[in-house]
N, C-alpha and C. Protein backbone atom coordinates (compact mmCIF):
# COMPACT_ATOMS: atom_id res chain seq x y z
N MET A 1 0.84 -1.17 0.00
CA MET A 1 0.00 0.00 0.00
C MET A 1 0.89 1.25 0.00
N PRO A 2 0.80 2.10 -1.01
CA PRO A 2 1.65 3.30 -1.08
C PRO A 2 1.27 4.31 0.00
N GLN A 3 2.29 5.00 0.50
CA GLN A 3 2.07 6.04 1.50
C GLN A 3 2.53 7.38 0.94
N THR A 4 1.79 8.41 1.29
CA THR A 4 2.15 9.75 0.85
C THR A 4 3.21 10.31 1.78
N ALA A 5 4.25 10.88 1.21
CA ALA A 5 5.31 11.51 2.01
C ALA A 5 5.27 13.00 1.77
N SER A 6 5.42 13.76 2.82
CA SER A 6 5.45 15.22 2.68
C SER A 6 6.62 15.77 3.47
N VAL A 7 7.19 16.84 2.98
CA VAL A 7 8.30 17.50 3.67
C VAL A 7 8.02 18.99 3.74
N ILE A 8 8.65 19.64 4.68
CA ILE A 8 8.53 21.08 4.87
C ILE A 8 9.93 21.66 4.67
N LEU A 9 10.05 22.67 3.79
CA LEU A 9 11.32 23.34 3.52
C LEU A 9 11.24 24.75 4.07
N ASP A 10 12.29 25.20 4.76
CA ASP A 10 12.30 26.55 5.30
C ASP A 10 13.74 27.04 5.35
N SER A 11 13.90 28.35 5.26
CA SER A 11 15.24 28.93 5.39
C SER A 11 15.13 30.21 6.20
N GLN A 12 16.24 30.56 6.84
CA GLN A 12 16.29 31.74 7.68
C GLN A 12 17.67 32.36 7.53
N SER A 13 17.70 33.66 7.24
CA SER A 13 18.97 34.39 7.17
C SER A 13 19.30 34.93 8.55
N VAL A 14 20.54 34.73 8.98
CA VAL A 14 20.98 35.20 10.30
C VAL A 14 22.28 35.98 10.14
N ARG A 15 22.45 36.99 10.97
CA ARG A 15 23.67 37.79 10.93
C ARG A 15 24.85 36.95 11.38
N ALA A 16 25.99 37.20 10.77
CA ALA A 16 27.22 36.50 11.14
C ALA A 16 28.17 37.48 11.81
N SER A 17 28.88 37.00 12.78
CA SER A 17 29.87 37.80 13.49
C SER A 17 31.00 38.19 12.54
N GLU A 18 31.72 39.23 12.88
CA GLU A 18 32.87 39.65 12.07
C GLU A 18 33.98 38.60 12.08
N THR A 19 33.96 37.69 13.06
CA THR A 19 34.98 36.65 13.13
C THR A 19 34.71 35.51 12.15
N VAL A 20 33.51 35.49 11.55
CA VAL A 20 33.16 34.47 10.56
C VAL A 20 33.81 34.82 9.24
N SER A 21 34.42 33.87 8.59
CA SER A 21 35.12 34.08 7.33
C SER A 21 34.21 34.72 6.28
N LYS A 22 34.75 35.66 5.52
CA LYS A 22 33.97 36.31 4.46
C LYS A 22 33.58 35.33 3.36
N ALA A 23 34.34 34.25 3.23
CA ALA A 23 34.02 33.24 2.22
C ALA A 23 32.73 32.50 2.54
N THR A 24 32.33 32.49 3.80
CA THR A 24 31.12 31.76 4.19
C THR A 24 29.96 32.69 4.53
N ARG A 25 30.13 34.00 4.31
CA ARG A 25 29.05 34.98 4.52
C ARG A 25 28.58 35.52 3.19
N GLY A 26 27.38 36.07 3.18
CA GLY A 26 26.86 36.70 1.98
C GLY A 26 25.82 37.74 2.35
N TRP A 27 25.43 38.56 1.39
CA TRP A 27 24.47 39.65 1.62
C TRP A 27 23.09 39.22 1.13
N ASP A 28 22.12 39.16 2.04
CA ASP A 28 20.72 38.89 1.69
C ASP A 28 20.06 40.25 1.48
N GLY A 29 19.91 40.65 0.23
CA GLY A 29 19.37 41.96 -0.09
C GLY A 29 17.92 42.16 0.33
N GLY A 30 17.15 41.09 0.36
CA GLY A 30 15.74 41.20 0.76
C GLY A 30 15.57 41.52 2.23
N LYS A 31 16.46 41.00 3.06
CA LYS A 31 16.37 41.22 4.51
C LYS A 31 17.45 42.14 5.03
N HIS A 32 18.35 42.59 4.15
CA HIS A 32 19.45 43.49 4.51
C HIS A 32 20.30 42.88 5.62
N ILE A 33 20.70 41.62 5.43
CA ILE A 33 21.50 40.91 6.41
C ILE A 33 22.78 40.40 5.75
N ASN A 34 23.91 40.65 6.41
CA ASN A 34 25.19 40.10 5.99
C ASN A 34 25.48 38.91 6.89
N GLY A 35 25.37 37.71 6.36
CA GLY A 35 25.57 36.55 7.21
C GLY A 35 25.39 35.24 6.48
N ARG A 36 24.75 34.32 7.15
CA ARG A 36 24.54 32.98 6.62
C ARG A 36 23.05 32.67 6.55
N LYS A 37 22.74 31.62 5.80
CA LYS A 37 21.35 31.17 5.68
C LYS A 37 21.26 29.73 6.16
N ARG A 38 20.31 29.47 7.07
CA ARG A 38 20.06 28.11 7.55
C ARG A 38 18.91 27.55 6.74
N ASN A 39 19.11 26.41 6.12
CA ASN A 39 18.08 25.73 5.34
C ASN A 39 17.76 24.42 6.04
N MET A 40 16.46 24.18 6.29
CA MET A 40 16.07 22.98 7.01
C MET A 40 14.95 22.27 6.27
N THR A 41 15.03 20.94 6.26
CA THR A 41 14.00 20.09 5.69
C THR A 41 13.48 19.18 6.79
N CYS A 42 12.17 19.19 7.01
CA CYS A 42 11.53 18.35 8.04
C CYS A 42 10.45 17.50 7.39
N ASP A 43 10.14 16.38 8.03
CA ASP A 43 9.02 15.59 7.54
C ASP A 43 7.72 16.13 8.14
N HIS A 44 6.60 15.53 7.80
CA HIS A 44 5.30 16.05 8.23
C HIS A 44 5.09 15.91 9.74
N ARG A 45 5.93 15.14 10.42
CA ARG A 45 5.84 15.02 11.88
C ARG A 45 6.76 16.00 12.60
N GLY A 46 7.54 16.77 11.84
CA GLY A 46 8.45 17.74 12.43
C GLY A 46 9.84 17.22 12.71
N LEU A 47 10.14 16.00 12.27
CA LEU A 47 11.48 15.44 12.46
C LEU A 47 12.42 15.99 11.39
N VAL A 48 13.59 16.43 11.82
CA VAL A 48 14.56 17.04 10.91
C VAL A 48 15.17 15.97 10.00
N LEU A 49 15.13 16.23 8.70
CA LEU A 49 15.73 15.33 7.71
C LEU A 49 17.08 15.83 7.23
N LEU A 50 17.22 17.16 7.06
CA LEU A 50 18.43 17.74 6.50
C LEU A 50 18.59 19.17 6.97
N VAL A 51 19.81 19.56 7.29
CA VAL A 51 20.14 20.95 7.63
C VAL A 51 21.35 21.34 6.80
N MET A 52 21.27 22.50 6.15
CA MET A 52 22.39 23.03 5.36
C MET A 52 22.62 24.48 5.78
N VAL A 53 23.88 24.88 5.87
CA VAL A 53 24.24 26.28 6.14
C VAL A 53 24.98 26.79 4.92
N THR A 54 24.46 27.88 4.34
CA THR A 54 25.04 28.47 3.14
C THR A 54 25.22 29.97 3.35
N PRO A 55 26.01 30.64 2.52
CA PRO A 55 26.05 32.09 2.59
C PRO A 55 24.66 32.67 2.35
N ALA A 56 24.35 33.79 2.94
CA ALA A 56 23.00 34.37 2.86
C ALA A 56 22.61 34.77 1.44
N ASP A 57 23.58 34.95 0.55
CA ASP A 57 23.23 35.35 -0.82
C ASP A 57 22.86 34.15 -1.71
N ALA A 58 22.91 32.93 -1.18
CA ALA A 58 22.50 31.74 -1.95
C ALA A 58 21.00 31.75 -2.15
N GLN A 59 20.57 31.41 -3.35
CA GLN A 59 19.13 31.37 -3.65
C GLN A 59 18.50 30.11 -3.08
N ASP A 60 17.24 30.23 -2.66
CA ASP A 60 16.52 29.06 -2.15
C ASP A 60 16.22 28.16 -3.30
């Protein structure tokens, strides 16, 4: 019997300290934040499947 799978995708831009390497920071023009972006994938029960940290200028 097939089961339906669903996931929830979300991202959040957060400010990065000046001690964080410039290679891992980026400018999120929509939120005016210089920092990183946390990307999270959860299943329909809220269990975390994947977490990625990228520069804030990375596109979703």
